[in-house]
Amino acid sequence: MKKSFYFQLIISIWFVSMMASCDFNQEQQQEVEFPETEYFQEKEAAIHHYISTEGVEGNVEQIETSQGDTFLLIEDPKNYFFIGQVVSSELGKGYYVVQSGDKVDLSEQTGMAWVFYSHDNQHSYTMIVKEEGSAEFISLDDERYSFTVLEGGESEMVNAKTIPKDRIVVEKAESFQ
């Protein structure tokens, strides 16, 4: 009789502590700090640092979305594209840049679309890069490629004849020097 009482007591204590830790984790969710991350007070300084430490040599386009995210579309000299995101520290430490997803190879293609997510996974986007874009596309500095960004993740949009204008989320785009 006493064994089952103690067993139930131990199970009850364990259950209550597990539930309390789950609630605590949800309420106290904070930005994960990485000791090697360097923070900068200005977005531009964080971008310059990323470009120099990653050895970026190609076009860099800074894109501001209507959702408030800031991305970098980076083209290296071998026609690989990738996306970086400028992240603002939730702890007030400043800005840093992280790569968002893998590199995409356009060396043997005329265009490609791929899905990527904001750093906090709150928004999904579709990046479309083509050799010949329509009016909805923005030309890169070298004018070989054009791009646009859509809200939501639909990589099949690369072959679409028209781009739904209400899904374009580019508020501002400029070449970053």
Protein backbone atom coordinates (compact mmCIF):
# COMPACT_ATOMS: atom_id res chain seq x y z
CA MET A 1 0.00 0.00 0.00
CA LYS A 2 2.77 2.46 0.90
CA LYS A 3 4.71 1.58 -2.24
CA SER A 4 1.84 2.55 -4.53
CA PHE A 5 1.32 5.80 -2.57
CA TYR A 6 5.00 6.77 -2.96
CA PHE A 7 4.97 5.74 -6.58
CA GLN A 8 1.91 7.92 -7.26
CA LEU A 9 3.49 10.78 -5.31
CA ILE A 10 6.70 10.57 -7.34
CA ILE A 11 4.78 10.39 -10.63
CA SER A 12 2.63 13.36 -9.57
CA ILE A 13 5.65 15.46 -8.62
CA TRP A 14 7.37 14.56 -11.89
CA PHE A 15 4.24 15.41 -13.90
CA VAL A 16 3.76 18.78 -12.18
CA SER A 17 7.43 19.69 -12.64
CA MET A 18 7.30 18.78 -16.35
CA MET A 19 4.17 20.88 -16.87
CA ALA A 20 5.70 23.82 -14.99
CA SER A 21 8.88 23.67 -17.06
CA CYS A 22 6.87 23.64 -20.30
CA ASP A 23 4.92 26.73 -19.21
CA PHE A 24 8.12 28.43 -18.07
CA ASN A 25 9.81 27.75 -21.43
CA GLN A 26 6.87 29.17 -23.35
CA GLU A 27 6.68 32.31 -21.21
CA GLN A 28 10.41 32.87 -21.08
CA GLN A 29 11.20 32.24 -24.73
CA GLN A 30 14.18 34.42 -25.53
CA GLU A 31 16.65 34.80 -28.30
CA VAL A 32 19.33 32.13 -28.26
CA GLU A 33 22.71 33.71 -27.87
CA PHE A 34 25.63 32.36 -29.84
CA PRO A 35 28.98 33.41 -28.41
CA GLU A 36 30.59 33.74 -31.85
CA THR A 37 27.91 36.14 -33.14
CA GLU A 38 29.11 39.69 -33.59
CA TYR A 39 26.47 42.37 -33.19
CA PHE A 40 26.52 45.80 -34.84
CA GLN A 41 24.56 48.93 -34.00
CA GLU A 42 23.82 49.66 -37.67
CA LYS A 43 22.39 47.32 -40.34
CA GLU A 44 24.98 48.49 -42.85
CA ALA A 45 27.86 47.60 -40.51
CA ALA A 46 26.43 44.10 -40.00
CA ILE A 47 26.09 43.65 -43.78
CA HIS A 48 29.65 44.88 -44.44
CA HIS A 49 30.96 42.49 -41.79
CA TYR A 50 29.04 39.56 -43.33
CA ILE A 51 30.29 40.37 -46.84
CA SER A 52 33.91 40.56 -45.69
CA THR A 53 33.89 37.49 -43.42
CA GLU A 54 32.04 35.32 -45.96
CA GLY A 55 34.20 36.49 -48.87
CA VAL A 56 31.24 37.68 -50.96
CA GLU A 57 32.46 38.94 -54.35
CA GLY A 58 29.31 39.28 -56.41
CA ASN A 59 26.15 41.36 -56.45
CA VAL A 60 24.43 42.06 -53.15
CA GLU A 61 20.89 43.38 -53.21
CA GLN A 62 19.34 44.59 -49.94
CA ILE A 63 15.59 43.86 -49.90
CA GLU A 64 13.09 45.28 -47.41
CA THR A 65 9.75 43.43 -47.28
CA SER A 66 6.31 44.72 -46.38
CA GLN A 67 6.44 42.32 -43.39
CA GLY A 68 9.44 44.20 -41.98
CA ASP A 69 12.14 41.64 -42.84
CA THR A 70 15.46 42.65 -44.41
CA PHE A 71 17.13 40.17 -46.76
CA LEU A 72 20.22 40.13 -48.92
CA LEU A 73 20.09 38.46 -52.32
CA ILE A 74 23.69 37.54 -53.01
CA GLU A 75 25.01 36.42 -56.39
CA ASP A 76 28.53 35.04 -56.48
CA PRO A 77 30.64 35.16 -59.69
CA LYS A 78 29.80 31.52 -60.54
CA ASN A 79 26.02 32.21 -60.79
CA TYR A 80 25.20 30.80 -57.38
CA PHE A 81 22.58 32.74 -55.46
CA PHE A 82 21.84 32.66 -51.77
CA ILE A 83 19.92 34.70 -49.25
CA GLY A 84 21.11 36.30 -46.07
CA GLN A 85 18.86 37.89 -43.50
CA VAL A 86 19.66 40.95 -41.43
CA VAL A 87 18.41 40.09 -37.95
CA SER A 88 17.77 42.55 -35.14
CA SER A 89 18.67 41.08 -31.77
CA GLU A 90 15.66 40.73 -29.49
CA LEU A 91 17.99 41.42 -26.59
CA GLY A 92 18.90 44.84 -27.95
CA LYS A 93 22.48 43.92 -28.84
CA GLY A 94 22.23 45.17 -32.41
CA TYR A 95 22.16 43.55 -35.86
CA TYR A 96 23.78 40.49 -37.40
CA VAL A 97 23.41 38.60 -40.68
CA VAL A 98 22.67 34.88 -41.13
CA GLN A 99 22.42 32.82 -44.29
CA SER A 100 18.87 31.69 -44.98
CA GLY A 101 18.86 28.36 -46.80
CA ASP A 102 21.24 26.79 -49.27
CA LYS A 103 22.95 28.19 -52.34
CA VAL A 104 21.03 27.86 -55.61
CA ASP A 105 22.91 27.17 -58.87
CA LEU A 106 21.69 29.12 -61.91
CA SER A 107 24.74 28.47 -64.09
CA GLU A 108 22.81 26.15 -66.42
CA GLN A 109 19.31 27.57 -66.02
CA THR A 110 17.48 30.68 -67.11
CA GLY A 111 15.58 31.07 -63.87
CA MET A 112 14.70 29.52 -60.58
CA ALA A 113 12.33 29.98 -57.68
CA TRP A 114 12.92 28.77 -54.16
CA VAL A 115 11.21 29.01 -50.83
CA PHE A 116 12.88 30.53 -47.79
CA TYR A 117 11.78 31.59 -44.33
CA SER A 118 12.43 34.55 -42.09
CA HIS A 119 14.89 33.90 -39.28
CA ASP A 120 12.06 33.68 -36.73
CA ASN A 121 9.99 31.42 -39.06
CA GLN A 122 7.11 33.91 -38.93
CA HIS A 123 7.03 34.46 -42.70
CA SER A 124 7.63 32.30 -45.74
CA TYR A 125 8.70 33.77 -49.04
CA THR A 126 9.36 32.71 -52.61
CA MET A 127 12.41 34.22 -54.31
CA ILE A 128 12.23 34.21 -58.10
CA VAL A 129 15.37 34.97 -60.13
CA LYS A 130 15.23 34.99 -63.95
CA GLU A 131 17.39 36.10 -66.85
CA GLU A 132 14.44 37.94 -68.34
CA GLY A 133 11.93 39.30 -65.89
CA SER A 134 8.77 41.26 -66.51
CA ALA A 135 7.72 44.61 -65.05
CA GLU A 136 7.24 43.02 -61.61
CA PHE A 137 10.94 42.14 -61.45
CA ILE A 138 13.88 44.24 -60.26
CA SER A 139 17.17 44.08 -62.19
CA LEU A 140 20.40 43.27 -60.42
CA ASP A 141 23.37 45.60 -60.88
CA ASP A 142 24.87 43.63 -63.77
CA GLU A 143 21.43 43.45 -65.43
CA ARG A 144 21.89 39.76 -66.31
CA TYR A 145 19.25 38.67 -63.81
CA SER A 146 16.07 40.09 -62.34
CA PHE A 147 14.29 39.08 -59.18
CA THR A 148 11.13 39.45 -57.16
CA VAL A 149 9.94 38.15 -53.80
CA LEU A 150 6.47 36.78 -53.14
CA GLU A 151 4.67 36.18 -49.90
CA GLY A 152 4.26 32.46 -49.18
CA GLY A 153 6.17 29.44 -50.34
CA GLU A 154 5.43 28.41 -53.93
CA SER A 155 8.55 27.47 -55.90
CA GLU A 156 6.49 26.53 -59.00
CA MET A 157 5.96 30.29 -59.60
CA VAL A 158 9.18 30.39 -61.68
CA ASN A 159 7.23 29.14 -64.71
CA ALA A 160 4.19 31.34 -64.19
CA LYS A 161 3.32 33.63 -67.09
CA THR A 162 2.15 36.37 -64.72
CA ILE A 163 3.13 37.19 -61.18
CA PRO A 164 0.26 38.08 -58.81
CA LYS A 165 1.03 41.69 -57.90
CA ASP A 166 -0.80 41.43 -54.58
CA ARG A 167 1.71 38.77 -53.44
CA ILE A 168 4.84 40.83 -54.16
CA VAL A 169 6.35 41.90 -50.82
CA VAL A 170 9.32 44.00 -51.94
CA GLU A 171 8.95 47.42 -50.31
CA LYS A 172 12.43 48.59 -51.22
CA ALA A 173 15.42 47.07 -53.00
CA GLU A 174 18.84 48.58 -53.55
CA SER A 175 22.27 47.41 -54.47
CA PHE A 176 24.56 47.22 -51.49
CA GLN A 177 28.07 48.53 -52.07
